[in-house]
C-alpha atoms as a PDB file:
ATOM      1  CA  MET A   1     -26.023  -8.514  -9.787  1.00  0.00           C
ATOM      2  CA  ASN A   2     -23.735  -7.524  -6.993  1.00  0.00           C
ATOM      3  CA  ASP A   3     -20.659  -7.924  -8.973  1.00  0.00           C
ATOM      4  CA  ASP A   4     -22.104  -5.054 -11.223  1.00  0.00           C
ATOM      5  CA  ARG A   5     -22.764  -3.009  -7.990  1.00  0.00           C
ATOM      6  CA  ILE A   6     -19.215  -3.717  -6.702  1.00  0.00           C
ATOM      7  CA  ALA A   7     -17.892  -2.528 -10.174  1.00  0.00           C
ATOM      8  CA  LYS A   8     -19.964   0.671 -10.025  1.00  0.00           C
ATOM      9  CA  ILE A   9     -18.803   1.414  -6.359  1.00  0.00           C
ATOM     10  CA  THR A  10     -15.222   0.630  -7.383  1.00  0.00           C
ATOM     11  CA  THR A  11     -15.284   3.143 -10.431  1.00  0.00           C
ATOM     12  CA  ARG A  12     -16.675   5.875  -8.294  1.00  0.00           C
ATOM     13  CA  LEU A  13     -14.311   5.477  -5.441  1.00  0.00           C
ATOM     14  CA  ARG A  14     -11.159   5.245  -7.609  1.00  0.00           C
ATOM     15  CA  ALA A  15     -12.232   8.268  -9.662  1.00  0.00           C
ATOM     16  CA  GLU A  16     -12.757  10.386  -6.508  1.00  0.00           C
ATOM     17  CA  PHE A  17     -10.041   9.090  -4.189  1.00  0.00           C
ATOM     18  CA  ALA A  18      -7.232   7.396  -6.310  1.00  0.00           C
ATOM     19  CA  PRO A  19      -6.815   4.994  -3.425  1.00  0.00           C
ATOM     20  CA  LEU A  20      -3.700   3.282  -2.615  1.00  0.00           C
ATOM     21  CA  ALA A  21      -5.692   0.466  -1.320  1.00  0.00           C
ATOM     22  CA  LEU A  22      -9.446  -0.359  -1.975  1.00  0.00           C
ATOM     23  CA  GLU A  23     -11.444  -3.470  -0.867  1.00  0.00           C
ATOM     24  CA  ILE A  24     -15.360  -3.749  -1.252  1.00  0.00           C
ATOM     25  CA  ILE A  25     -16.964  -6.611   0.454  1.00  0.00           C
ATOM     26  CA  ASP A  26     -20.659  -7.643  -0.414  1.00  0.00           C
ATOM     27  CA  ASP A  27     -22.287  -8.210   2.955  1.00  0.00           C
ATOM     28  CA  SER A  28     -25.755  -8.615   1.465  1.00  0.00           C
ATOM     29  CA  HIS A  29     -26.093 -12.343   2.289  1.00  0.00           C
ATOM     30  CA  ARG A  30     -25.792 -11.321   5.897  1.00  0.00           C
ATOM     31  CA  HIS A  31     -28.909  -9.154   5.665  1.00  0.00           C
ATOM     32  CA  ALA A  32     -31.337 -11.490   4.102  1.00  0.00           C
ATOM     33  CA  GLY A  33     -34.868 -10.914   5.338  1.00  0.00           C
ATOM     34  CA  HIS A  34     -33.761  -7.615   6.899  1.00  0.00           C
ATOM     35  CA  PRO A  35     -36.359  -4.812   6.084  1.00  0.00           C
ATOM     36  CA  GLY A  36     -33.830  -2.763   4.328  1.00  0.00           C
ATOM     37  CA  ALA A  37     -32.873  -5.612   1.961  1.00  0.00           C
ATOM     38  CA  ARG A  38     -36.401  -6.141   0.711  1.00  0.00           C
ATOM     39  CA  ASP A  39     -36.025  -3.454  -1.979  1.00  0.00           C
ATOM     40  CA  GLY A  40     -32.986  -5.436  -3.509  1.00  0.00           C
ATOM     41  CA  ARG A  41     -30.343  -2.899  -2.721  1.00  0.00           C
ATOM     42  CA  GLY A  42     -27.101  -4.244  -1.186  1.00  0.00           C
ATOM     43  CA  HIS A  43     -25.025  -4.044   1.848  1.00  0.00           C
ATOM     44  CA  PHE A  44     -21.432  -3.471   1.658  1.00  0.00           C
ATOM     45  CA  THR A  45     -18.133  -2.845   3.637  1.00  0.00           C
ATOM     46  CA  VAL A  46     -15.653  -0.442   1.905  1.00  0.00           C
ATOM     47  CA  LYS A  47     -11.940  -0.341   3.165  1.00  0.00           C
ATOM     48  CA  ILE A  48     -10.205   2.495   1.466  1.00  0.00           C
ATOM     49  CA  VAL A  49      -6.752   4.232   1.840  1.00  0.00           C
ATOM     50  CA  SER A  50      -6.307   7.628   0.270  1.00  0.00           C
ATOM     51  CA  ALA A  51      -4.267  10.749   0.868  1.00  0.00           C
ATOM     52  CA  LYS A  52      -7.535  12.607   0.548  1.00  0.00           C
ATOM     53  CA  PHE A  53      -8.433  11.479   4.092  1.00  0.00           C
ATOM     54  CA  ALA A  54      -5.413  13.046   5.658  1.00  0.00           C
ATOM     55  CA  GLY A  55      -6.608  15.531   8.399  1.00  0.00           C
ATOM     56  CA  ALA A  56     -10.268  14.643   7.968  1.00  0.00           C
ATOM     57  CA  LYS A  57     -12.308  13.419  10.902  1.00  0.00           C
ATOM     58  CA  PRO A  58     -14.060  10.102  10.645  1.00  0.00           C
ATOM     59  CA  VAL A  59     -17.465  11.501  10.117  1.00  0.00           C
ATOM     60  CA  GLU A  60     -15.972  13.785   7.297  1.00  0.00           C
ATOM     61  CA  ARG A  61     -14.361  10.755   5.681  1.00  0.00           C
ATOM     62  CA  HIS A  62     -17.671   8.901   5.716  1.00  0.00           C
ATOM     63  CA  ARG A  63     -19.510  11.929   4.101  1.00  0.00           C
ATOM     64  CA  MET A  64     -16.876  12.010   1.405  1.00  0.00           C
ATOM     65  CA  VAL A  65     -17.386   8.327   0.587  1.00  0.00           C
ATOM     66  CA  TYR A  66     -21.239   8.738   0.583  1.00  0.00           C
ATOM     67  CA  ALA A  67     -20.885  11.817  -1.716  1.00  0.00           C
ATOM     68  CA  ALA A  68     -18.524   9.904  -4.085  1.00  0.00           C
ATOM     69  CA  LEU A  69     -21.094   7.084  -4.313  1.00  0.00           C
ATOM     70  CA  GLY A  70     -23.873   9.603  -4.956  1.00  0.00           C
ATOM     71  CA  THR A  71     -26.992   8.188  -6.527  1.00  0.00           C
ATOM     72  CA  LEU A  72     -25.815   4.558  -5.912  1.00  0.00           C
ATOM     73  CA  MET A  73     -27.000   5.147  -2.309  1.00  0.00           C
ATOM     74  CA  GLN A  74     -30.655   5.428  -3.645  1.00  0.00           C
ATOM     75  CA  THR A  75     -30.416   2.886  -6.420  1.00  0.00           C
ATOM     76  CA  ASP A  76     -27.907   0.026  -5.456  1.00  0.00           C
ATOM     77  CA  ILE A  77     -26.828   0.417  -1.889  1.00  0.00           C
ATOM     78  CA  HIS A  78     -28.975   0.153   1.146  1.00  0.00           C
ATOM     79  CA  ALA A  79     -25.999   0.389   3.727  1.00  0.00           C
ATOM     80  CA  VAL A  80     -22.196   0.833   3.600  1.00  0.00           C
ATOM     81  CA  SER A  81     -19.829   0.398   6.550  1.00  0.00           C
ATOM     82  CA  VAL A  82     -16.766   2.668   5.755  1.00  0.00           C
ATOM     83  CA  ASN A  83     -13.278   2.196   7.052  1.00  0.00           C
ATOM     84  CA  ALA A  84     -11.404   5.172   5.534  1.00  0.00           C
ATOM     85  CA  LEU A  85      -7.919   5.791   6.366  1.00  0.00           C
ATOM     86  CA  SER A  86      -4.997   7.956   5.193  1.00  0.00           C
ATOM     87  CA  PRO A  87      -1.711   6.467   4.114  1.00  0.00           C
ATOM     88  CA  ALA A  88      -0.056   7.344   7.423  1.00  0.00           C
ATOM     89  CA  GLU A  89      -2.709   5.532   9.318  1.00  0.00           C
ATOM     90  CA  ALA A  90      -2.703   2.444   7.099  1.00  0.00           C
ATOM     91  CA  LYS A  91       0.984   1.661   7.925  1.00  0.00           C
END
């Protein structure tokens, strides 16, 4: 099931950010038994590099990613850790 979730996350982030690099890690297994995992939604780490993050503060970048994920935050994702960089920062 999480492969499907990763595909959904990938699709949305690629469409919104045209990333130069994108890595999505399923951390759900590390949260087994966690109260937030009981509803079946997953825990993920997103590492993304996009020109759209240039000039944005970290909290703004996180909001941008959450906005791109949209309804997945209510249906498929319980928690997401975001590492969002501009191309200059990724070098």
